[in-house]
C-alpha atoms as a PDB file:
ATOM      1  CA  MET A   1     -32.187-137.796  85.809  1.00  0.00           C
ATOM      2  CA  ILE A   2     -33.657-138.618  82.398  1.00  0.00           C
ATOM      3  CA  HIS A   3     -36.845-137.100  80.988  1.00  0.00           C
ATOM      4  CA  GLU A   4     -38.680-138.003  77.797  1.00  0.00           C
ATOM      5  CA  ILE A   5     -39.988-134.676  76.473  1.00  0.00           C
ATOM      6  CA  ALA A   6     -42.064-134.574  73.321  1.00  0.00           C
ATOM      7  CA  SER A   7     -43.827-131.206  73.485  1.00  0.00           C
ATOM      8  CA  ARG A   8     -42.321-127.767  72.956  1.00  0.00           C
ATOM      9  CA  SER A   9     -44.976-126.523  75.402  1.00  0.00           C
ATOM     10  CA  ASN A  10     -43.601-128.647  78.241  1.00  0.00           C
ATOM     11  CA  PRO A  11     -43.043-126.401  81.314  1.00  0.00           C
ATOM     12  CA  ARG A  12     -39.372-127.405  81.514  1.00  0.00           C
ATOM     13  CA  VAL A  13     -38.849-126.409  77.882  1.00  0.00           C
ATOM     14  CA  LYS A  14     -40.661-123.109  78.305  1.00  0.00           C
ATOM     15  CA  LYS A  15     -38.608-122.217  81.383  1.00  0.00           C
ATOM     16  CA  LEU A  16     -35.291-123.073  79.740  1.00  0.00           C
ATOM     17  CA  ALA A  17     -36.207-121.107  76.605  1.00  0.00           C
ATOM     18  CA  ALA A  18     -36.955-118.088  78.804  1.00  0.00           C
ATOM     19  CA  ASP A  19     -33.711-118.432  80.775  1.00  0.00           C
ATOM     20  CA  LEU A  20     -31.225-119.018  77.921  1.00  0.00           C
ATOM     21  CA  ASP A  21     -29.636-115.562  78.207  1.00  0.00           C
ATOM     22  CA  GLY A  22     -26.958-115.849  80.874  1.00  0.00           C
ATOM     23  CA  LEU A  23     -26.494-119.614  80.511  1.00  0.00           C
ATOM     24  CA  TYR A  24     -23.426-121.235  78.969  1.00  0.00           C
ATOM     25  CA  VAL A  25     -25.063-123.209  76.158  1.00  0.00           C
ATOM     26  CA  TYR A  26     -23.155-125.337  73.644  1.00  0.00           C
ATOM     27  CA  GLU A  27     -24.969-126.342  70.456  1.00  0.00           C
ATOM     28  CA  GLY A  28     -23.998-128.860  67.828  1.00  0.00           C
ATOM     29  CA  ASP A  29     -22.868-132.436  67.497  1.00  0.00           C
ATOM     30  CA  ARG A  30     -19.112-131.787  67.466  1.00  0.00           C
ATOM     31  CA  LEU A  31     -19.048-129.260  70.287  1.00  0.00           C
ATOM     32  CA  VAL A  32     -21.235-131.329  72.595  1.00  0.00           C
ATOM     33  CA  ARG A  33     -19.296-134.498  71.818  1.00  0.00           C
ATOM     34  CA  ASP A  34     -16.095-132.596  72.660  1.00  0.00           C
ATOM     35  CA  LEU A  35     -17.585-131.706  76.047  1.00  0.00           C
ATOM     36  CA  LEU A  36     -18.567-135.318  76.660  1.00  0.00           C
ATOM     37  CA  ALA A  37     -15.127-136.593  75.604  1.00  0.00           C
ATOM     38  CA  ARG A  38     -13.532-134.157  78.054  1.00  0.00           C
ATOM     39  CA  ARG A  39     -15.964-135.401  80.713  1.00  0.00           C
ATOM     40  CA  GLU A  40     -17.048-131.841  81.421  1.00  0.00           C
ATOM     41  CA  PRO A  41     -19.846-131.722  83.999  1.00  0.00           C
ATOM     42  CA  LEU A  42     -23.100-130.852  82.246  1.00  0.00           C
ATOM     43  CA  ARG A  43     -26.089-129.324  83.928  1.00  0.00           C
ATOM     44  CA  LEU A  44     -28.312-130.459  81.092  1.00  0.00           C
ATOM     45  CA  LEU A  45     -28.024-132.464  77.902  1.00  0.00           C
ATOM     46  CA  VAL A  46     -30.833-132.164  75.378  1.00  0.00           C
ATOM     47  CA  ALA A  47     -30.556-134.895  72.764  1.00  0.00           C
ATOM     48  CA  HIS A  48     -32.614-136.056  69.827  1.00  0.00           C
ATOM     49  CA  GLN A  49     -34.015-139.533  70.287  1.00  0.00           C
ATOM     50  CA  ARG A  50     -31.591-140.856  67.653  1.00  0.00           C
ATOM     51  CA  HIS A  51     -28.762-140.195  70.142  1.00  0.00           C
ATOM     52  CA  ARG A  52     -30.413-142.114  72.965  1.00  0.00           C
ATOM     53  CA  GLN A  53     -27.412-144.312  73.745  1.00  0.00           C
ATOM     54  CA  LEU A  54     -25.006-141.377  73.853  1.00  0.00           C
ATOM     55  CA  ALA A  55     -27.380-139.482  76.118  1.00  0.00           C
ATOM     56  CA  LEU A  56     -27.828-142.400  78.497  1.00  0.00           C
ATOM     57  CA  GLU A  57     -24.048-142.703  78.891  1.00  0.00           C
ATOM     58  CA  ALA A  58     -23.457-138.961  79.348  1.00  0.00           C
ATOM     59  CA  THR A  59     -22.282-137.412  82.599  1.00  0.00           C
ATOM     60  CA  ALA A  60     -25.033-134.858  83.126  1.00  0.00           C
ATOM     61  CA  GLU A  61     -27.197-133.757  86.018  1.00  0.00           C
ATOM     62  CA  GLU A  62     -30.233-133.970  83.755  1.00  0.00           C
ATOM     63  CA  VAL A  63     -30.909-135.450  80.305  1.00  0.00           C
ATOM     64  CA  TRP A  64     -33.820-134.694  78.009  1.00  0.00           C
ATOM     65  CA  LEU A  65     -34.569-137.109  75.186  1.00  0.00           C
ATOM     66  CA  THR A  66     -36.682-135.281  72.673  1.00  0.00           C
ATOM     67  CA  ASP A  67     -37.576-134.594  69.042  1.00  0.00           C
ATOM     68  CA  ARG A  68     -37.212-131.807  66.499  1.00  0.00           C
ATOM     69  CA  PRO A  69     -39.928-129.400  67.758  1.00  0.00           C
ATOM     70  CA  VAL A  70     -38.291-129.085  71.190  1.00  0.00           C
ATOM     71  CA  LEU A  71     -34.823-128.634  69.705  1.00  0.00           C
ATOM     72  CA  ASP A  72     -36.203-125.964  67.361  1.00  0.00           C
ATOM     73  CA  ARG A  73     -37.691-124.136  70.365  1.00  0.00           C
ATOM     74  CA  LEU A  74     -34.405-124.149  72.288  1.00  0.00           C
ATOM     75  CA  SER A  75     -31.811-123.640  69.578  1.00  0.00           C
ATOM     76  CA  ARG A  76     -30.521-120.199  68.616  1.00  0.00           C
ATOM     77  CA  LEU A  77     -29.052-121.522  65.374  1.00  0.00           C
ATOM     78  CA  ARG A  78     -30.792-121.296  62.008  1.00  0.00           C
ATOM     79  CA  ASP A  79     -30.924-125.093  61.841  1.00  0.00           C
ATOM     80  CA  ALA A  80     -31.377-126.688  65.245  1.00  0.00           C
ATOM     81  CA  PRO A  81     -28.764-129.368  66.023  1.00  0.00           C
ATOM     82  CA  ASP A  82     -29.418-132.781  67.521  1.00  0.00           C
ATOM     83  CA  LEU A  83     -27.413-132.027  70.676  1.00  0.00           C
ATOM     84  CA  ILE A  84     -27.559-129.055  73.055  1.00  0.00           C
ATOM     85  CA  ALA A  85     -25.673-128.880  76.355  1.00  0.00           C
ATOM     86  CA  VAL A  86     -25.823-126.433  79.243  1.00  0.00           C
ATOM     87  CA  VAL A  87     -22.622-126.300  81.297  1.00  0.00           C
ATOM     88  CA  PRO A  88     -22.020-124.698  84.706  1.00  0.00           C
ATOM     89  CA  PRO A  89     -20.418-121.217  84.618  1.00  0.00           C
ATOM     90  CA  PRO A  90     -16.607-121.504  84.419  1.00  0.00           C
ATOM     91  CA  GLN A  91     -15.174-121.586  87.944  1.00  0.00           C
ATOM     92  CA  HIS A  92     -11.484-120.911  87.260  1.00  0.00           C
ATOM     93  CA  SER A  93     -11.345-117.142  87.750  1.00  0.00           C
ATOM     94  CA  LEU A  94      -8.112-115.456  86.704  1.00  0.00           C
ATOM     95  CA  ASP A  95      -5.707-114.875  89.612  1.00  0.00           C
ATOM     96  CA  LEU A  96      -3.720-111.758  88.717  1.00  0.00           C
ATOM     97  CA  GLU A  97      -1.179-112.476  91.436  1.00  0.00           C
ATOM     98  CA  LYS A  98      -0.073-115.657  89.656  1.00  0.00           C
ATOM     99  CA  ALA A  99      -0.383-114.571  86.021  1.00  0.00           C
ATOM    100  CA  ASP A 100       2.381-113.265  83.763  1.00  0.00           C
ATOM    101  CA  THR A 101       0.714-112.879  80.345  1.00  0.00           C
ATOM    102  CA  VAL A 102      -2.812-111.502  80.182  1.00  0.00           C
ATOM    103  CA  VAL A 103      -4.802-109.945  77.344  1.00  0.00           C
ATOM    104  CA  VAL A 104      -7.520-107.434  78.183  1.00  0.00           C
ATOM    105  CA  LEU A 105     -10.495-107.022  75.847  1.00  0.00           C
ATOM    106  CA  ASP A 106     -11.830-103.526  76.488  1.00  0.00           C
ATOM    107  CA  ARG A 107     -15.297-102.796  75.090  1.00  0.00           C
ATOM    108  CA  VAL A 108     -14.839-105.430  72.367  1.00  0.00           C
ATOM    109  CA  GLN A 109     -18.404-105.980  71.244  1.00  0.00           C
ATOM    110  CA  ASP A 110     -18.214-108.452  68.389  1.00  0.00           C
ATOM    111  CA  PRO A 111     -18.734-111.972  69.796  1.00  0.00           C
ATOM    112  CA  ALA A 112     -16.616-113.536  67.052  1.00  0.00           C
ATOM    113  CA  ASN A 113     -13.664-111.267  67.897  1.00  0.00           C
ATOM    114  CA  ALA A 114     -13.864-112.056  71.598  1.00  0.00           C
ATOM    115  CA  GLY A 115     -14.340-115.777  71.049  1.00  0.00           C
ATOM    116  CA  THR A 116     -11.441-115.922  68.596  1.00  0.00           C
ATOM    117  CA  ALA A 117      -9.214-114.217  71.168  1.00  0.00           C
ATOM    118  CA  PHE A 118     -10.111-116.899  73.710  1.00  0.00           C
ATOM    119  CA  ARG A 119      -9.225-119.695  71.282  1.00  0.00           C
ATOM    120  CA  CYS A 120      -5.866-118.055  70.616  1.00  0.00           C
ATOM    121  CA  ALA A 121      -5.274-117.605  74.350  1.00  0.00           C
ATOM    122  CA  ALA A 122      -5.710-121.364  74.783  1.00  0.00           C
ATOM    123  CA  ALA A 123      -3.568-122.170  71.734  1.00  0.00           C
ATOM    124  CA  PHE A 124      -0.680-119.877  72.701  1.00  0.00           C
ATOM    125  CA  GLY A 125      -0.595-120.610  76.423  1.00  0.00           C
ATOM    126  CA  LEU A 126      -1.740-117.279  77.793  1.00  0.00           C
ATOM    127  CA  ASP A 127      -2.359-117.146  81.535  1.00  0.00           C
ATOM    128  CA  GLY A 128      -5.746-115.517  81.183  1.00  0.00           C
ATOM    129  CA  MET A 129      -8.101-112.905  79.811  1.00  0.00           C
ATOM    130  CA  VAL A 130      -9.848-109.874  81.282  1.00  0.00           C
ATOM    131  CA  LEU A 131     -13.106-108.462  79.898  1.00  0.00           C
ATOM    132  CA  THR A 132     -13.697-104.787  80.706  1.00  0.00           C
ATOM    133  CA  GLY A 133     -16.373-102.231  80.005  1.00  0.00           C
ATOM    134  CA  ASP A 134     -19.247-103.329  77.795  1.00  0.00           C
ATOM    135  CA  THR A 135     -17.298-106.158  76.189  1.00  0.00           C
ATOM    136  CA  VAL A 136     -19.662-108.860  74.948  1.00  0.00           C
ATOM    137  CA  HIS A 137     -20.717-111.330  77.641  1.00  0.00           C
ATOM    138  CA  PRO A 138     -18.922-114.701  77.524  1.00  0.00           C
ATOM    139  CA  TRP A 139     -22.264-116.548  77.577  1.00  0.00           C
ATOM    140  CA  ASN A 140     -23.315-114.899  74.313  1.00  0.00           C
ATOM    141  CA  PRO A 141     -24.091-117.807  71.929  1.00  0.00           C
ATOM    142  CA  ARG A 142     -21.898-116.451  69.123  1.00  0.00           C
ATOM    143  CA  PHE A 143     -19.061-115.904  71.606  1.00  0.00           C
ATOM    144  CA  ILE A 144     -19.340-119.531  72.718  1.00  0.00           C
ATOM    145  CA  ARG A 145     -19.410-120.816  69.137  1.00  0.00           C
ATOM    146  CA  ALA A 146     -16.214-118.861  68.375  1.00  0.00           C
ATOM    147  CA  ALA A 147     -14.406-119.713  71.620  1.00  0.00           C
ATOM    148  CA  GLN A 148     -15.595-123.332  71.729  1.00  0.00           C
ATOM    149  CA  THR A 149     -14.170-125.305  74.655  1.00  0.00           C
ATOM    150  CA  SER A 150     -11.343-122.782  75.164  1.00  0.00           C
ATOM    151  CA  LEU A 151     -13.855-120.788  77.202  1.00  0.00           C
ATOM    152  CA  LEU A 152     -13.625-123.585  79.771  1.00  0.00           C
ATOM    153  CA  ASP A 153      -9.814-123.708  79.622  1.00  0.00           C
ATOM    154  CA  VAL A 154      -8.734-120.066  79.824  1.00  0.00           C
ATOM    155  CA  PRO A 155      -9.096-118.351  83.211  1.00  0.00           C
ATOM    156  CA  PHE A 156     -10.808-114.990  82.924  1.00  0.00           C
ATOM    157  CA  ARG A 157     -12.328-112.212  84.964  1.00  0.00           C
ATOM    158  CA  ILE A 158     -14.778-109.399  84.251  1.00  0.00           C
ATOM    159  CA  ASP A 159     -14.076-105.845  85.448  1.00  0.00           C
ATOM    160  CA  PRO A 160     -16.226-102.704  85.083  1.00  0.00           C
ATOM    161  CA  GLY A 161     -13.557-100.810  83.149  1.00  0.00           C
ATOM    162  CA  LEU A 162      -9.856-100.176  82.663  1.00  0.00           C
ATOM    163  CA  ALA A 163      -9.731 -97.677  85.538  1.00  0.00           C
ATOM    164  CA  GLU A 164     -11.027-100.292  87.956  1.00  0.00           C
ATOM    165  CA  LEU A 165      -8.634-102.927  86.577  1.00  0.00           C
ATOM    166  CA  PHE A 166      -5.531-100.693  86.679  1.00  0.00           C
ATOM    167  CA  SER A 167      -6.332 -99.571  90.234  1.00  0.00           C
ATOM    168  CA  LEU A 168      -6.178-103.118  91.588  1.00  0.00           C
ATOM    169  CA  ARG A 169      -3.182-103.848  93.787  1.00  0.00           C
ATOM    170  CA  GLN A 170      -2.542-107.065  91.858  1.00  0.00           C
ATOM    171  CA  ALA A 171      -2.536-105.220  88.521  1.00  0.00           C
ATOM    172  CA  LYS A 172       0.190-102.796  89.538  1.00  0.00           C
ATOM    173  CA  ARG A 173       2.873-105.471  89.102  1.00  0.00           C
ATOM    174  CA  PHE A 174       2.223-105.670  85.346  1.00  0.00           C
ATOM    175  CA  ASN A 175       3.698-103.825  82.409  1.00  0.00           C
ATOM    176  CA  VAL A 176       0.666-102.392  80.603  1.00  0.00           C
ATOM    177  CA  TYR A 177       0.672-102.183  76.800  1.00  0.00           C
ATOM    178  CA  LEU A 178      -2.051-100.593  74.690  1.00  0.00           C
ATOM    179  CA  ALA A 179      -2.606-102.126  71.254  1.00  0.00           C
ATOM    180  CA  ALA A 180      -3.072 -99.495  68.549  1.00  0.00           C
ATOM    181  CA  ALA A 181      -3.042 -99.428  64.769  1.00  0.00           C
ATOM    182  CA  ALA A 182      -0.042 -97.079  64.691  1.00  0.00           C
ATOM    183  CA  ALA A 183       2.518 -95.850  67.189  1.00  0.00           C
ATOM    184  CA  ALA A 184       0.740 -93.189  69.207  1.00  0.00           C
ATOM    185  CA  GLY A 185       1.057 -91.507  72.548  1.00  0.00           C
ATOM    186  CA  LYS A 186       3.793 -92.729  74.829  1.00  0.00           C
ATOM    187  CA  GLY A 187       6.088 -95.394  73.448  1.00  0.00           C
ATOM    188  CA  GLY A 188       5.427 -97.047  70.130  1.00  0.00           C
ATOM    189  CA  LEU A 189       6.858-100.521  70.720  1.00  0.00           C
ATOM    190  CA  LEU A 190       7.001-103.549  68.479  1.00  0.00           C
ATOM    191  CA  PRO A 191       5.341-106.730  69.823  1.00  0.00           C
ATOM    192  CA  SER A 192       8.772-108.314  70.333  1.00  0.00           C
ATOM    193  CA  GLN A 193       9.645-105.564  72.815  1.00  0.00           C
ATOM    194  CA  MET A 194       6.903-106.411  75.301  1.00  0.00           C
ATOM    195  CA  GLN A 195       8.155-107.512  78.695  1.00  0.00           C
ATOM    196  CA  THR A 196       6.406-109.775  81.166  1.00  0.00           C
ATOM    197  CA  PRO A 197       4.478-109.712  83.367  1.00  0.00           C
ATOM    198  CA  CYS A 198       2.179-107.831  81.029  1.00  0.00           C
ATOM    199  CA  LEU A 199      -1.392-106.731  80.511  1.00  0.00           C
ATOM    200  CA  VAL A 200      -1.949-106.198  76.776  1.00  0.00           C
ATOM    201  CA  VAL A 201      -5.095-104.167  76.116  1.00  0.00           C
ATOM    202  CA  VAL A 202      -7.048-104.556  72.864  1.00  0.00           C
ATOM    203  CA  GLY A 203      -9.825-102.014  72.481  1.00  0.00           C
ATOM    204  CA  HIS A 204     -13.204-101.462  70.879  1.00  0.00           C
ATOM    205  CA  GLU A 205     -13.418-102.385  67.179  1.00  0.00           C
ATOM    206  CA  GLY A 206     -14.303 -98.871  66.051  1.00  0.00           C
ATOM    207  CA  GLY A 207     -13.146 -96.465  68.751  1.00  0.00           C
ATOM    208  CA  GLY A 208     -10.148 -98.327  70.081  1.00  0.00           C
ATOM    209  CA  ILE A 209      -8.897 -97.617  73.596  1.00  0.00           C
ATOM    210  CA  ASP A 210      -9.906 -94.414  75.404  1.00  0.00           C
ATOM    211  CA  ARG A 211      -7.256 -91.850  74.452  1.00  0.00           C
ATOM    212  CA  ARG A 212      -6.636 -90.775  78.047  1.00  0.00           C
ATOM    213  CA  TRP A 213      -4.710 -93.987  78.682  1.00  0.00           C
ATOM    214  CA  PHE A 214      -2.147 -93.239  75.966  1.00  0.00           C
ATOM    215  CA  THR A 215      -0.453 -90.661  78.177  1.00  0.00           C
ATOM    216  CA  GLN A 216       0.025 -93.240  80.930  1.00  0.00           C
ATOM    217  CA  HIS A 217       1.006 -96.472  79.169  1.00  0.00           C
ATOM    218  CA  PRO A 218       3.105 -97.382  76.120  1.00  0.00           C
ATOM    219  CA  VAL A 219       1.580 -98.386  72.816  1.00  0.00           C
ATOM    220  CA  VAL A 220       2.391-101.641  71.054  1.00  0.00           C
ATOM    221  CA  HIS A 221       1.642-101.776  67.346  1.00  0.00           C
ATOM    222  CA  ILE A 222       1.771-104.493  64.693  1.00  0.00           C
ATOM    223  CA  PRO A 223       3.774-103.438  61.609  1.00  0.00           C
ATOM    224  CA  GLN A 224       1.572-103.549  58.523  1.00  0.00           C
ATOM    225  CA  SER A 225       1.273-102.260  54.985  1.00  0.00           C
ATOM    226  CA  GLY A 226       0.095 -98.709  54.445  1.00  0.00           C
ATOM    227  CA  MET A 227      -2.768-100.149  52.392  1.00  0.00           C
ATOM    228  CA  VAL A 228      -4.515-101.240  55.618  1.00  0.00           C
ATOM    229  CA  ASP A 229      -5.228 -98.758  58.388  1.00  0.00           C
ATOM    230  CA  SER A 230      -6.111-101.261  61.110  1.00  0.00           C
ATOM    231  CA  LEU A 231      -6.567-104.942  61.860  1.00  0.00           C
ATOM    232  CA  ASN A 232      -9.584-106.783  63.204  1.00  0.00           C
ATOM    233  CA  ALA A 233      -9.567-106.735  67.036  1.00  0.00           C
ATOM    234  CA  GLY A 234      -9.610-110.530  67.285  1.00  0.00           C
ATOM    235  CA  VAL A 235      -6.795-110.874  64.732  1.00  0.00           C
ATOM    236  CA  SER A 236      -4.720-108.230  66.518  1.00  0.00           C
ATOM    237  CA  ALA A 237      -5.130-109.983  69.871  1.00  0.00           C
ATOM    238  CA  CYS A 238      -4.071-113.294  68.337  1.00  0.00           C
ATOM    239  CA  ILE A 239      -0.965-111.839  66.673  1.00  0.00           C
ATOM    240  CA  LEU A 240       0.135-110.278  69.949  1.00  0.00           C
ATOM    241  CA  MET A 241      -0.438-113.561  71.799  1.00  0.00           C
ATOM    242  CA  TYR A 242       1.558-115.425  69.154  1.00  0.00           C
ATOM    243  CA  GLU A 243       4.431-112.967  69.586  1.00  0.00           C
ATOM    244  CA  LEU A 244       4.409-113.543  73.342  1.00  0.00           C
ATOM    245  CA  GLN A 245       4.566-117.288  72.741  1.00  0.00           C
ATOM    246  CA  ARG A 246       7.231-117.001  70.024  1.00  0.00           C
ATOM    247  CA  SER A 247       9.481-115.020  72.314  1.00  0.00           C
ATOM    248  CA  GLY A 248       9.072-117.619  75.074  1.00  0.00           C
ATOM    249  CA  LYS A 249       6.949-115.443  77.363  1.00  0.00           C
ATOM    250  CA  THR A 250       3.957-117.798  77.642  1.00  0.00           C
ATOM    251  CA  GLY A 251       3.499-121.445  78.535  1.00  0.00           C
ATOM    252  CA  GLY A 252       2.542-122.359  74.950  1.00  0.00           C
ATOM    253  CA  SER A 253       4.748-124.590  72.833  1.00  0.00           C
END
């Protein structure tokens, strides 16, 4: 269905602007064109009039052809793009019974860190991701900009916390590794020593992983110079994923 919408006060525009939190919204020419090239089902495509032909050919439940004021009302970027797409929530939930390599983001609150981890999970062939605690929501706009279309490719699940995740019957088949800046608690393994199936937990940017878990699961740490006391959570997750791929433990190539 195609609508010509010229006013930022249009009821449809006002409702969408009020409902943006919780929706998976992709903004920008390249990202939206990537979605269209992949033939991803779109709930809504909002396009500037100059992209009329592209919009008319798009596979979308609804298309709005509009102008700058409406795009300015809807965009959460400093400079509103010409193309905005709303996609259905990802449907491919992570099946822990079939996974071998999974990274858990526990209370990771920076959207860029979480989104970067998703892009690396797609690049290195991880089986999936788990978000626990108050980790940033995957529909956060900065998360989506960092993850890009990998958010639609990497199966994931959301759990209340590590206790709830570890108590699952399906989770008990995994080796659990806790990422830490230095060898601490039980273990002190190098990334190359991880064995699959594995859950690799990367914790909060400032506080890390709750210390109580270090008496129950081994630590994996990334060797680094003494000049740096810790690595960015997103960078750490990506290095660990790369090591799993390098050692032939993921489906990446």
